[in-house]
Amino acid sequence: MPTAKIDGVNLFYERTGIIGEPLVLVHGSWTDHHNWDAVVPALSQTFRVLSYDRRGHGRSERALGQGLVRQDMADLAELITQLDLAPAHIVGHSFGGSVVLRLAVEQPELFRSLIVHEPPLLDLLADDPTTSSLYSLDKETVRRIHEVAEDLERGDLVGAAHRFVDTVAFGPGAWEHLPPSVQQSFIRNAPPFLDQVRDPDAFAIDLARLARFPHPMLLTQGDHSPPFLPPIMAKLRAAMPRAEARTLTGAGHTPQVSHPTEYAELITAFIRDQAGSR
């Protein structure tokens, strides 16, 4: 089982593909590297693909104490360095996208290009009069998230996963329709979500510094995603006018699962086109 020792924590990773430039996949919350399984076969035809379990997820170890987004950033940077992948194309989904964007601010030299799908950077909505009303209207979602956190504090992983799926992510009754393997993935990867809720920096980004990112960037979103995400993507596009933006028709928050062929083709085409323009 390949692992890398980073800051005292063993991180599990998988490498697929033997040709092409390095492509690193960073998963979001409540899941692990298997969230990319449907796109890895296509991507590994063109790239040397690295997928890994963020600390506390999947087969990676969980450190004692409060987990922080900065630890995820440091883990990603060190993993890329240890495996001699820099500069790499780096793809982040959801909270993994937040990790990738924050690393782009701090260490842009690690990147060839950057692709993110719907990072939940909620702090971008809080202080803008054009979006603060949406942020306020979403208080019910915030309340539900804190109820999930309370379940986790009590050690009720099953209850937390069930509540998150039914009241935050998908809607009433969705949990019962998930395959058992997916339910188990939610339960197994539940604990780090409490760290995110407690971390004051987890949902923030410095747009002014991000605007200085010197490499190609692709911002993707679905047209069936939760309503608080499009305004976040709009703010990222405004801050990064040179970034490309694409909307996946019929997709929501997880195109790597729901639309794997289209999403893999989009990633491949973007990187190929950028290489042609260099």
Protein backbone atom coordinates (compact mmCIF):
# COMPACT_ATOMS: atom_id res chain seq x y z
CA MET A 1 0.00 0.00 0.00
CA PRO A 2 1.81 3.18 -1.15
CA THR A 3 1.94 5.88 1.51
CA ALA A 4 3.88 9.07 2.09
CA LYS A 5 4.86 10.21 5.59
CA ILE A 6 3.97 13.89 5.89
CA ASP A 7 4.06 15.82 9.16
CA GLY A 8 3.85 12.57 11.10
CA VAL A 9 0.82 11.29 9.16
CA ASN A 10 0.81 8.50 6.57
CA LEU A 11 -1.14 9.54 3.46
CA PHE A 12 -2.34 6.84 1.09
CA TYR A 13 -2.04 7.49 -2.64
CA GLU A 14 -2.45 5.75 -5.99
CA ARG A 15 -0.61 6.42 -9.24
CA THR A 16 -2.16 5.50 -12.59
CA GLY A 17 -0.77 5.99 -16.09
CA ILE A 18 2.82 5.93 -17.26
CA ILE A 19 2.94 8.69 -19.88
CA GLY A 20 2.20 12.36 -20.02
CA GLU A 21 2.37 15.24 -17.59
CA PRO A 22 1.44 14.79 -13.91
CA LEU A 23 -2.21 15.34 -12.94
CA VAL A 24 -3.14 15.46 -9.25
CA LEU A 25 -6.74 14.89 -8.08
CA VAL A 26 -7.88 16.33 -4.73
CA HIS A 27 -11.20 15.04 -3.37
CA GLY A 28 -13.75 16.89 -1.26
CA SER A 29 -15.53 16.13 2.03
CA TRP A 30 -17.24 12.88 3.10
CA THR A 31 -15.29 10.82 0.55
CA ASP A 32 -11.81 9.64 -0.45
CA HIS A 33 -9.74 9.00 -3.58
CA HIS A 34 -12.36 6.54 -4.85
CA ASN A 35 -14.55 9.55 -5.66
CA TRP A 36 -12.39 9.89 -8.80
CA ASP A 37 -12.65 6.24 -9.88
CA ALA A 38 -14.98 6.91 -12.83
CA VAL A 39 -12.63 9.47 -14.45
CA VAL A 40 -9.20 7.99 -13.69
CA PRO A 41 -9.23 5.40 -16.52
CA ALA A 42 -9.83 8.08 -19.16
CA LEU A 43 -7.44 10.61 -17.62
CA SER A 44 -4.65 8.05 -17.25
CA GLN A 45 -4.59 7.56 -21.02
CA THR A 46 -3.10 11.04 -21.32
CA PHE A 47 -1.62 11.88 -17.91
CA ARG A 48 0.31 10.36 -15.03
CA VAL A 49 -2.51 10.56 -12.49
CA LEU A 50 -2.08 10.84 -8.74
CA SER A 51 -5.12 10.47 -6.48
CA TYR A 52 -4.81 10.33 -2.71
CA ASP A 53 -6.78 10.27 0.53
CA ARG A 54 -6.60 13.57 2.38
CA ARG A 55 -5.63 13.19 6.04
CA GLY A 56 -8.40 11.55 8.04
CA HIS A 57 -10.07 10.16 4.91
CA GLY A 58 -9.98 6.68 3.39
CA ARG A 59 -6.77 4.84 4.20
CA SER A 60 -4.83 7.93 5.31
CA GLU A 61 -4.14 8.46 8.99
CA ARG A 62 -5.87 11.08 11.10
CA ALA A 63 -3.71 13.28 13.34
CA LEU A 64 -4.73 14.11 16.89
CA GLY A 65 -6.29 17.49 17.53
CA GLN A 66 -8.08 20.00 15.33
CA GLY A 67 -7.57 19.51 11.61
CA LEU A 68 -7.01 22.65 9.55
CA VAL A 69 -7.26 23.57 5.89
CA ARG A 70 -3.64 24.71 6.15
CA GLN A 71 -2.64 21.15 7.00
CA ASP A 72 -4.39 19.93 3.86
CA MET A 73 -2.50 22.55 1.86
CA ALA A 74 0.83 21.51 3.37
CA ASP A 75 0.05 17.82 2.77
CA LEU A 76 -0.69 18.43 -0.90
CA ALA A 77 2.44 20.51 -1.40
CA GLU A 78 4.68 17.97 0.31
CA LEU A 79 3.12 15.01 -1.51
CA ILE A 80 3.76 16.68 -4.87
CA THR A 81 7.33 17.44 -3.81
CA GLN A 82 8.10 13.99 -2.40
CA LEU A 83 6.81 12.27 -5.53
CA ASP A 84 8.70 14.70 -7.79
CA LEU A 85 5.56 15.82 -9.64
CA ALA A 86 6.04 19.57 -9.67
CA PRO A 87 4.89 21.41 -11.61
CA ALA A 88 1.61 19.51 -11.97
CA HIS A 89 -1.88 20.03 -13.28
CA ILE A 90 -4.01 20.02 -10.11
CA VAL A 91 -7.75 19.35 -9.99
CA GLY A 92 -9.83 20.00 -6.88
CA HIS A 93 -13.45 19.13 -6.19
CA SER A 94 -15.59 20.95 -3.61
CA PHE A 95 -13.57 21.38 -0.39
CA GLY A 96 -10.63 19.88 -2.26
CA GLY A 97 -11.01 22.81 -4.64
CA SER A 98 -10.74 25.18 -1.69
CA VAL A 99 -7.50 23.45 -0.68
CA VAL A 100 -6.13 23.73 -4.22
CA LEU A 101 -7.01 27.42 -4.59
CA ARG A 102 -5.42 28.31 -1.27
CA LEU A 103 -2.26 26.40 -2.22
CA ALA A 104 -2.21 28.29 -5.53
CA VAL A 105 -2.03 31.52 -3.54
CA GLU A 106 0.87 30.30 -1.41
CA GLN A 107 2.91 28.13 -3.82
CA PRO A 108 2.04 28.78 -7.47
CA GLU A 109 5.32 27.23 -8.57
CA LEU A 110 3.85 23.77 -7.88
CA PHE A 111 1.29 24.21 -10.67
CA ARG A 112 1.20 23.81 -14.45
CA SER A 113 -2.52 24.55 -14.40
CA LEU A 114 -5.42 24.57 -11.95
CA ILE A 115 -8.95 23.18 -12.33
CA VAL A 116 -11.58 23.48 -9.59
CA HIS A 117 -15.25 22.52 -9.37
CA GLU A 118 -17.48 24.48 -7.00
CA PRO A 119 -15.30 25.15 -3.94
CA PRO A 120 -17.62 26.06 -1.01
CA LEU A 121 -15.92 29.36 -0.18
CA LEU A 122 -18.91 30.68 1.76
CA ASP A 123 -17.00 33.61 3.24
CA LEU A 124 -17.06 35.24 -0.20
CA LEU A 125 -20.82 35.72 0.18
CA ALA A 126 -20.88 37.15 3.68
CA ASP A 127 -19.69 40.75 3.27
CA ASP A 128 -20.97 41.64 -0.19
CA PRO A 129 -24.35 43.43 -0.25
CA THR A 130 -25.19 41.73 -3.55
CA THR A 131 -24.86 38.27 -2.03
CA SER A 132 -25.23 38.74 1.72
CA SER A 133 -29.00 38.27 1.45
CA LEU A 134 -28.42 34.86 -0.13
CA TYR A 135 -25.93 34.09 2.63
CA SER A 136 -28.55 35.06 5.22
CA LEU A 137 -31.27 33.05 3.52
CA ASP A 138 -29.01 30.04 3.73
CA LYS A 139 -29.05 30.16 7.54
CA GLU A 140 -31.26 27.07 7.51
CA THR A 141 -28.50 25.15 5.74
CA VAL A 142 -25.97 26.49 8.24
CA ARG A 143 -28.23 25.31 11.08
CA ARG A 144 -28.43 21.86 9.54
CA ILE A 145 -24.66 21.72 9.14
CA HIS A 146 -24.25 22.51 12.83
CA GLU A 147 -26.70 19.73 13.67
CA VAL A 148 -24.47 17.39 11.67
CA ALA A 149 -21.50 18.69 13.67
CA GLU A 150 -23.34 17.96 16.91
CA ASP A 151 -23.88 14.38 15.77
CA LEU A 152 -20.16 14.08 15.08
CA GLU A 153 -19.29 15.55 18.48
CA ARG A 154 -21.36 12.78 20.07
CA GLY A 155 -19.54 10.20 17.96
CA ASP A 156 -22.67 9.33 15.99
CA LEU A 157 -21.07 8.87 12.57
CA VAL A 158 -24.05 7.04 11.09
CA GLY A 159 -26.49 9.71 12.26
CA ALA A 160 -24.22 12.50 11.01
CA ALA A 161 -23.83 10.94 7.57
CA HIS A 162 -27.56 10.22 7.32
CA ARG A 163 -28.45 13.78 8.38
CA PHE A 164 -25.92 15.37 6.01
CA VAL A 165 -27.22 13.44 3.00
CA ASP A 166 -30.91 14.01 3.76
CA THR A 167 -30.86 17.61 5.03
CA VAL A 168 -27.83 19.26 3.41
CA ALA A 169 -26.58 17.47 0.32
CA PHE A 170 -29.38 15.70 -1.54
CA GLY A 171 -32.77 15.94 0.16
CA PRO A 172 -35.21 13.92 2.29
CA GLY A 173 -35.09 10.18 1.76
CA ALA A 174 -31.89 10.23 -0.29
CA TRP A 175 -29.93 8.22 2.26
CA GLU A 176 -32.14 5.17 1.86
CA HIS A 177 -31.57 5.17 -1.90
CA LEU A 178 -27.78 5.24 -1.70
CA PRO A 179 -25.96 1.96 -2.35
CA PRO A 180 -24.58 0.45 0.86
CA SER A 181 -21.02 1.03 -0.35
CA VAL A 182 -21.70 4.75 -0.74
CA GLN A 183 -23.35 4.92 2.68
CA GLN A 184 -20.29 3.29 4.21
CA SER A 185 -18.02 5.79 2.45
CA PHE A 186 -19.97 8.67 3.97
CA ILE A 187 -19.79 7.10 7.43
CA ARG A 188 -16.11 6.20 7.18
CA ASN A 189 -15.10 9.69 6.03
CA ALA A 190 -17.37 11.66 8.37
CA PRO A 191 -15.01 12.77 11.19
CA PRO A 192 -12.92 15.36 9.25
CA PHE A 193 -16.09 17.31 8.44
CA LEU A 194 -16.19 18.42 12.07
CA ASP A 195 -12.71 19.92 11.65
CA GLN A 196 -13.93 21.95 8.68
CA VAL A 197 -16.89 23.34 10.61
CA ARG A 198 -14.59 24.36 13.48
CA ASP A 199 -11.80 25.84 11.31
CA PRO A 200 -12.33 29.62 10.91
CA ASP A 201 -10.24 29.62 7.72
CA ALA A 202 -11.91 26.65 6.02
CA PHE A 203 -14.29 28.65 3.81
CA ALA A 204 -12.14 31.73 3.05
CA ILE A 205 -9.81 32.79 0.22
CA ASP A 206 -7.71 35.88 -0.47
CA LEU A 207 -9.01 36.90 -3.90
CA ALA A 208 -6.47 39.70 -4.34
CA ARG A 209 -3.58 37.28 -3.98
CA LEU A 210 -5.33 34.60 -6.02
CA ALA A 211 -5.66 37.10 -8.87
CA ARG A 212 -1.87 37.02 -9.22
CA PHE A 213 -1.85 33.28 -10.00
CA PRO A 214 0.26 33.09 -13.19
CA HIS A 215 -0.86 29.78 -14.70
CA PRO A 216 -3.92 28.59 -16.65
CA MET A 217 -7.07 28.11 -14.59
CA LEU A 218 -10.39 26.44 -15.36
CA LEU A 219 -13.45 27.05 -13.16
CA THR A 220 -16.27 24.53 -13.63
CA GLN A 221 -19.77 24.29 -12.24
CA GLY A 222 -22.97 22.35 -12.83
CA ASP A 223 -26.33 23.83 -13.72
CA HIS A 224 -28.06 21.60 -11.12
CA SER A 225 -25.91 22.56 -8.13
CA PRO A 226 -27.05 24.08 -4.79
CA PRO A 227 -28.00 27.76 -5.19
CA PHE A 228 -25.24 29.20 -3.01
CA LEU A 229 -22.49 27.86 -5.30
CA PRO A 230 -23.04 29.89 -8.53
CA PRO A 231 -22.45 33.25 -6.74
CA ILE A 232 -19.20 31.87 -5.35
CA MET A 233 -18.11 30.81 -8.83
CA ALA A 234 -19.09 34.24 -10.17
CA LYS A 235 -16.84 35.92 -7.61
CA LEU A 236 -13.95 33.66 -8.57
CA ARG A 237 -14.48 34.45 -12.26
CA ALA A 238 -14.54 38.18 -11.53
CA ALA A 239 -11.31 37.94 -9.56
CA MET A 240 -9.66 35.82 -12.27
CA PRO A 241 -10.70 37.41 -15.60
CA ARG A 242 -8.14 35.34 -17.53
CA ALA A 243 -9.52 32.06 -16.16
CA GLU A 244 -11.69 29.91 -18.38
CA ALA A 245 -15.14 28.95 -17.10
CA ARG A 246 -17.38 26.08 -18.12
CA THR A 247 -20.84 24.94 -17.03
CA LEU A 248 -21.65 21.24 -17.34
CA THR A 249 -25.23 20.88 -18.54
CA GLY A 250 -27.26 18.45 -16.48
CA ALA A 251 -24.53 18.06 -13.87
CA GLY A 252 -24.53 19.09 -10.25
CA HIS A 253 -21.87 19.17 -7.56
CA THR A 254 -20.17 15.87 -8.48
CA PRO A 255 -19.60 15.68 -12.27
CA GLN A 256 -16.80 13.15 -11.77
CA VAL A 257 -19.54 10.76 -10.59
CA SER A 258 -22.61 11.82 -12.59
CA HIS A 259 -20.93 12.85 -15.87
CA PRO A 260 -17.49 11.20 -15.84
CA THR A 261 -16.99 11.04 -19.61
CA GLU A 262 -17.84 14.70 -20.19
CA TYR A 263 -15.83 15.85 -17.18
CA ALA A 264 -12.72 13.87 -18.11
CA GLU A 265 -12.95 15.16 -21.68
CA LEU A 266 -13.27 18.72 -20.40
CA ILE A 267 -10.16 18.40 -18.23
CA THR A 268 -8.16 16.79 -21.02
CA ALA A 269 -9.21 19.32 -23.65
CA PHE A 270 -8.44 22.28 -21.39
CA ILE A 271 -4.93 21.06 -20.64
CA ARG A 272 -4.29 20.12 -24.28
CA ASP A 273 -5.45 23.54 -25.50
CA GLN A 274 -3.28 25.31 -22.94
CA ALA A 275 -0.27 23.26 -24.02
CA GLY A 276 -0.91 24.26 -27.61
CA SER A 277 -0.88 27.93 -26.69
CA ARG A 278 2.38 27.78 -24.74
